[in-house]
Protein backbone atom coordinates (compact mmCIF):
# COMPACT_ATOMS: atom_id res chain seq x y z
CA MET A 1 -11.07 -1.83 10.09
CA ASP A 2 -13.38 -0.21 7.83
CA LEU A 3 -14.93 -1.30 4.44
CA SER A 4 -17.39 1.41 4.01
CA GLY A 5 -17.80 2.72 0.35
CA ARG A 6 -16.15 -0.55 -1.15
CA SER A 7 -17.60 -3.27 -2.65
CA VAL A 8 -16.13 -6.95 -2.29
CA ILE A 9 -16.56 -10.54 -3.84
CA VAL A 10 -16.28 -13.42 -1.59
CA THR A 11 -16.47 -16.97 -3.40
CA GLY A 12 -17.74 -19.87 -1.43
CA ALA A 13 -20.00 -17.53 0.69
CA GLY A 14 -22.88 -19.86 0.99
CA GLN A 15 -21.76 -21.09 4.51
CA GLY A 16 -19.11 -21.89 6.73
CA ILE A 17 -16.08 -19.15 6.59
CA GLY A 18 -17.26 -17.51 3.54
CA ALA A 19 -20.80 -16.50 4.86
CA ALA A 20 -18.82 -15.26 7.83
CA ILE A 21 -16.58 -13.53 5.97
CA ALA A 22 -19.22 -11.70 3.63
CA ARG A 23 -21.48 -11.02 6.71
CA MET A 24 -18.74 -8.93 8.47
CA SER A 25 -17.66 -7.35 5.31
CA HIS A 26 -21.49 -6.28 4.97
CA GLU A 27 -21.51 -5.26 8.63
CA LEU A 28 -18.00 -3.09 8.10
CA GLY A 29 -19.90 -1.14 5.33
CA ALA A 30 -18.95 -3.10 1.94
CA LYS A 31 -21.54 -4.01 -0.69
CA VAL A 32 -20.90 -7.99 -1.32
CA ALA A 33 -21.04 -10.22 -4.00
CA VAL A 34 -21.93 -13.60 -2.71
CA VAL A 35 -20.76 -16.23 -5.15
CA ASP A 36 -21.62 -19.92 -4.31
CA THR A 37 -22.76 -23.07 -6.13
CA ASN A 38 -25.76 -23.43 -3.81
CA THR A 39 -28.42 -21.40 -4.61
CA GLU A 40 -30.81 -21.90 -1.53
CA THR A 41 -28.04 -20.75 0.92
CA ALA A 42 -26.67 -18.05 -1.10
CA GLN A 43 -29.75 -16.19 -1.36
CA ALA A 44 -30.70 -16.54 2.22
CA LEU A 45 -27.62 -14.92 3.04
CA VAL A 46 -28.23 -12.33 0.53
CA ALA A 47 -31.73 -11.89 2.12
CA SER A 48 -30.27 -11.53 5.70
CA LEU A 49 -27.85 -8.79 4.94
CA GLY A 50 -30.44 -6.82 2.52
CA THR A 51 -29.56 -3.82 0.74
CA GLY A 52 -26.14 -4.11 -0.74
CA ALA A 53 -25.69 -7.79 -1.43
CA LYS A 54 -26.05 -9.94 -4.47
CA ALA A 55 -25.83 -13.66 -5.25
CA TYR A 56 -24.18 -14.69 -8.14
CA ILE A 57 -24.69 -18.76 -8.53
CA GLY A 58 -22.11 -20.59 -10.56
CA SER A 59 -18.82 -22.43 -10.30
CA VAL A 60 -15.53 -20.65 -9.87
CA ALA A 61 -13.83 -23.11 -12.27
CA ASP A 62 -16.13 -21.45 -15.41
CA PRO A 63 -14.31 -18.94 -16.91
CA GLN A 64 -17.28 -17.47 -18.37
CA PHE A 65 -19.21 -17.09 -15.23
CA VAL A 66 -16.17 -15.81 -13.52
CA GLU A 67 -15.93 -12.88 -16.00
CA GLU A 68 -19.66 -12.17 -15.94
CA THR A 69 -19.82 -12.10 -12.35
CA VAL A 70 -16.82 -9.65 -11.93
CA ALA A 71 -18.31 -7.69 -14.72
CA ASP A 72 -21.85 -7.19 -13.37
CA ALA A 73 -20.47 -6.84 -9.85
CA VAL A 74 -18.94 -3.55 -11.13
CA ALA A 75 -22.14 -2.89 -12.90
CA THR A 76 -24.08 -2.90 -10.09
CA PHE A 77 -22.01 -1.65 -7.24
CA GLY A 78 -19.74 0.77 -9.56
CA LYS A 79 -16.59 -0.86 -8.73
CA VAL A 80 -15.25 -4.00 -6.96
CA ASP A 81 -12.54 -3.02 -4.59
CA GLY A 82 -11.92 -6.44 -2.46
CA LEU A 83 -11.92 -10.17 -3.56
CA VAL A 84 -11.71 -13.24 -1.31
CA ASN A 85 -11.07 -16.57 -2.89
CA ASN A 86 -12.49 -18.86 -0.60
CA ALA A 87 -14.44 -21.41 -2.54
CA GLY A 88 -13.19 -24.95 -1.91
CA ILE A 89 -14.32 -28.44 -1.86
CA ILE A 90 -12.58 -31.68 -0.71
CA ARG A 91 -12.54 -35.34 -2.27
CA PRO A 92 -10.10 -37.20 0.30
CA ALA A 93 -8.36 -40.32 -0.78
CA MET A 94 -4.87 -41.98 -0.39
CA ILE A 95 -2.40 -41.13 -2.97
CA GLU A 96 -2.40 -44.86 -4.19
CA LYS A 97 -6.26 -44.62 -4.32
CA MET A 98 -6.82 -41.38 -5.80
CA THR A 99 -8.39 -41.09 -9.19
CA LEU A 100 -7.60 -38.16 -11.87
CA THR A 101 -11.06 -36.89 -11.22
CA GLN A 102 -10.59 -36.22 -7.67
CA TRP A 103 -7.31 -34.31 -8.35
CA ARG A 104 -8.79 -32.51 -11.01
CA GLU A 105 -11.74 -31.79 -9.36
CA VAL A 106 -10.14 -30.03 -6.29
CA LEU A 107 -7.53 -28.06 -8.49
CA ASP A 108 -10.25 -26.75 -10.38
CA VAL A 109 -11.95 -25.17 -7.68
CA HIS A 110 -9.45 -24.20 -5.54
CA LEU A 111 -6.41 -22.92 -7.73
CA THR A 112 -7.84 -22.45 -11.24
CA GLY A 113 -11.20 -20.97 -9.87
CA SER A 114 -8.81 -18.60 -7.54
CA PHE A 115 -6.50 -17.64 -10.67
CA LEU A 116 -9.89 -16.80 -12.72
CA PHE A 117 -11.20 -14.58 -9.91
CA LEU A 118 -7.93 -13.02 -8.97
CA GLN A 119 -7.32 -12.29 -12.85
CA ALA A 120 -10.54 -10.84 -13.73
CA VAL A 121 -10.46 -8.46 -10.45
CA GLY A 122 -6.85 -7.53 -11.13
CA ARG A 123 -7.59 -6.37 -14.45
CA HIS A 124 -10.36 -4.09 -12.84
CA LEU A 125 -8.05 -2.82 -10.46
CA LEU A 126 -5.24 -2.17 -12.79
CA GLU A 127 -7.42 -0.45 -15.10
CA ARG A 128 -8.15 2.07 -12.15
CA ALA A 129 -4.97 2.31 -10.80
CA ARG A 130 -3.26 3.22 -14.37
CA GLY A 131 -6.18 5.83 -14.35
CA GLY A 132 -4.80 7.66 -11.50
CA GLU A 133 -6.35 5.82 -8.34
CA VAL A 134 -4.21 5.07 -5.42
CA ALA A 135 -4.53 1.63 -3.74
CA PRO A 136 -7.50 0.58 -5.57
CA GLY A 137 -8.12 -2.58 -3.89
CA ALA A 138 -7.00 -5.83 -1.97
CA ILE A 139 -7.12 -9.39 -2.60
CA VAL A 140 -7.18 -12.05 -0.06
CA ASN A 141 -6.34 -15.84 -0.98
CA VAL A 142 -7.62 -18.51 1.50
CA SER A 143 -5.08 -21.02 2.06
CA SER A 144 -4.51 -23.62 4.78
CA ASP A 145 -1.73 -25.20 6.72
CA ALA A 146 -2.21 -28.13 4.87
CA GLY A 147 -0.46 -26.47 2.01
CA ARG A 148 2.60 -25.84 3.92
CA LYS A 149 2.77 -29.09 5.85
CA GLY A 150 1.28 -31.46 3.56
CA SER A 151 -1.91 -33.53 4.49
CA ILE A 152 -2.61 -37.13 4.76
CA GLY A 153 -5.44 -38.45 2.52
CA GLN A 154 -5.66 -35.24 0.70
CA ILE A 155 -2.53 -34.61 -1.47
CA ASN A 156 -5.25 -32.84 -4.22
CA TYR A 157 -6.04 -30.43 -1.52
CA ALA A 158 -2.35 -29.61 0.21
CA ALA A 159 -1.10 -29.19 -3.31
CA ALA A 160 -4.11 -26.67 -4.44
CA LYS A 161 -3.61 -24.59 -1.17
CA ALA A 162 0.37 -24.61 -1.32
CA GLY A 163 -0.40 -23.26 -5.23
CA MET A 164 -2.74 -20.63 -3.96
CA MET A 165 0.26 -19.09 -2.24
CA ALA A 166 2.07 -19.04 -5.17
CA LEU A 167 -0.52 -17.21 -6.58
CA THR A 168 -0.55 -14.61 -3.92
CA MET A 169 3.49 -14.49 -4.23
CA SER A 170 3.38 -13.90 -7.93
CA ALA A 171 0.51 -11.27 -8.52
CA ALA A 172 2.09 -9.26 -5.15
CA ARG A 173 5.12 -8.83 -6.88
CA GLU A 174 3.38 -7.79 -10.24
CA TRP A 175 0.86 -5.52 -8.61
CA ALA A 176 2.71 -4.02 -5.51
CA LYS A 177 3.91 -0.73 -7.66
CA TYR A 178 0.01 -0.04 -7.96
CA GLU A 179 -0.57 -0.83 -4.64
CA ILE A 180 -3.16 -3.73 -5.22
CA ARG A 181 -2.43 -5.89 -2.01
CA VAL A 182 -2.73 -9.53 -2.38
CA ASN A 183 -2.15 -12.16 0.90
CA THR A 184 -2.80 -15.16 1.81
CA LEU A 185 -4.28 -16.32 5.10
CA CYS A 186 -3.53 -19.70 6.44
CA PHE A 187 -6.26 -21.88 8.60
CA GLY A 188 -5.81 -24.22 10.90
CA VAL A 189 -8.84 -26.11 11.74
CA VAL A 190 -11.96 -23.87 11.55
CA GLU A 191 -15.35 -25.23 13.20
CA THR A 192 -17.38 -25.76 9.75
CA ALA A 193 -19.08 -28.10 7.74
CA MET A 194 -15.85 -29.05 5.87
CA SER A 195 -13.63 -29.76 9.05
CA GLU A 196 -16.08 -32.12 10.60
CA VAL A 197 -13.99 -35.17 9.73
CA VAL A 198 -10.95 -33.95 11.37
CA ARG A 199 -13.10 -32.76 14.33
CA SER A 200 -14.79 -36.22 14.78
CA ASP A 201 -14.08 -38.70 17.47
CA LYS A 202 -11.90 -40.69 15.79
CA PHE A 203 -9.12 -37.77 15.38
CA ARG A 204 -10.27 -34.99 17.54
CA ASP A 205 -7.94 -35.69 20.45
CA ASN A 206 -5.03 -35.96 18.48
CA THR A 207 -5.61 -32.75 16.12
CA LEU A 208 -6.35 -30.66 19.35
CA ALA A 209 -3.17 -31.91 20.90
CA GLN A 210 -0.89 -30.41 18.12
CA ILE A 211 -3.00 -27.01 18.56
CA PRO A 212 -1.40 -24.91 21.38
CA MET A 213 -4.30 -22.79 22.06
CA GLY A 214 -6.19 -26.38 22.48
CA ARG A 215 -9.61 -25.66 20.47
CA TRP A 216 -10.85 -24.73 17.17
CA ALA A 217 -11.31 -21.68 15.29
CA GLN A 218 -14.69 -20.06 15.04
CA PRO A 219 -15.93 -18.77 11.43
CA GLN A 220 -15.80 -15.10 12.95
CA GLU A 221 -11.99 -15.33 13.95
CA ALA A 222 -11.25 -16.33 10.37
CA ALA A 223 -13.84 -13.30 9.12
CA THR A 224 -11.87 -11.15 11.14
CA ALA A 225 -8.37 -11.60 9.52
CA ALA A 226 -10.15 -11.51 6.07
CA CYS A 227 -11.90 -8.13 6.85
CA PHE A 228 -8.36 -6.94 7.89
CA LEU A 229 -6.67 -7.52 4.80
CA LEU A 230 -9.21 -6.09 2.84
CA SER A 231 -9.40 -3.09 4.90
CA PRO A 232 -6.84 0.20 4.60
CA ALA A 233 -5.55 -1.15 8.20
CA ALA A 234 -3.53 -3.42 6.28
CA SER A 235 -2.45 -1.31 4.12
CA TYR A 236 1.45 -2.12 3.91
CA ILE A 237 1.02 -5.55 4.19
CA ILE A 238 1.43 -7.22 0.65
CA GLY A 239 2.66 -10.94 -0.38
CA GLN A 240 2.17 -12.47 3.12
CA HIS A 241 0.91 -15.72 4.31
CA ILE A 242 -0.71 -14.93 7.55
CA GLY A 243 -1.63 -18.00 9.64
CA VAL A 244 -4.88 -18.10 11.64
CA ASN A 245 -4.58 -21.41 13.27
CA GLY A 246 -4.03 -21.18 16.83
CA GLY A 247 -0.50 -21.90 16.64
CA TYR A 248 -0.86 -25.41 14.62
CA HIS A 249 1.75 -24.05 12.48
CA ILE A 250 4.54 -21.73 13.49
CA SER A 251 7.46 -20.59 11.35
CA THR A 252 9.94 -17.86 11.08
């Protein structure tokens, strides 16, 4: 699992899972584009990583920002070999109370943002593949078991995460012949700020009872799976939805 000589874009990299992925990618030899809306956390991460990392501050749902970020990352690092679509927000509400704004905000960040980055990075990888390069890169879409099981109080999040799996399958079918690998990671409950509510005293025991391993995932465990899919070690894995969930969701 080696990322030496590669360049990776990680969205939502200012904290939590994204920060862990960016840090591990860098430790494995990759140059890293840290994308986030939070200037302070993104720049702090880049400063801690040192050489071979650059922060990009903006919204993944902004097409101009996405195009400029990918173009600058290519110019800065010489190329982009990997993308992790990790950026996400939550706007919880029961279905009958959810506003259209809450619905759209979540889909804009998770689904539209992922599509925009997948498209922009995909164009770069396709250009290299059509120029004769073999297996130019890999894309990882971060989904959730909510996209496979549904989620009470978060229909917007569950719908967006299900949509990300469709992004993966469609892109994998189109780009497999170029050996551009696109896969999904479906996380259960990872111990981050975003999962604080489900890990609270009110829901903790019931949620843990549904996880055969009986514990939350750590961000480093999520990062390991992402870096594996980015690396040559996963050279024949494409179009898959891989659960990193301690058994929270098990299927054939």
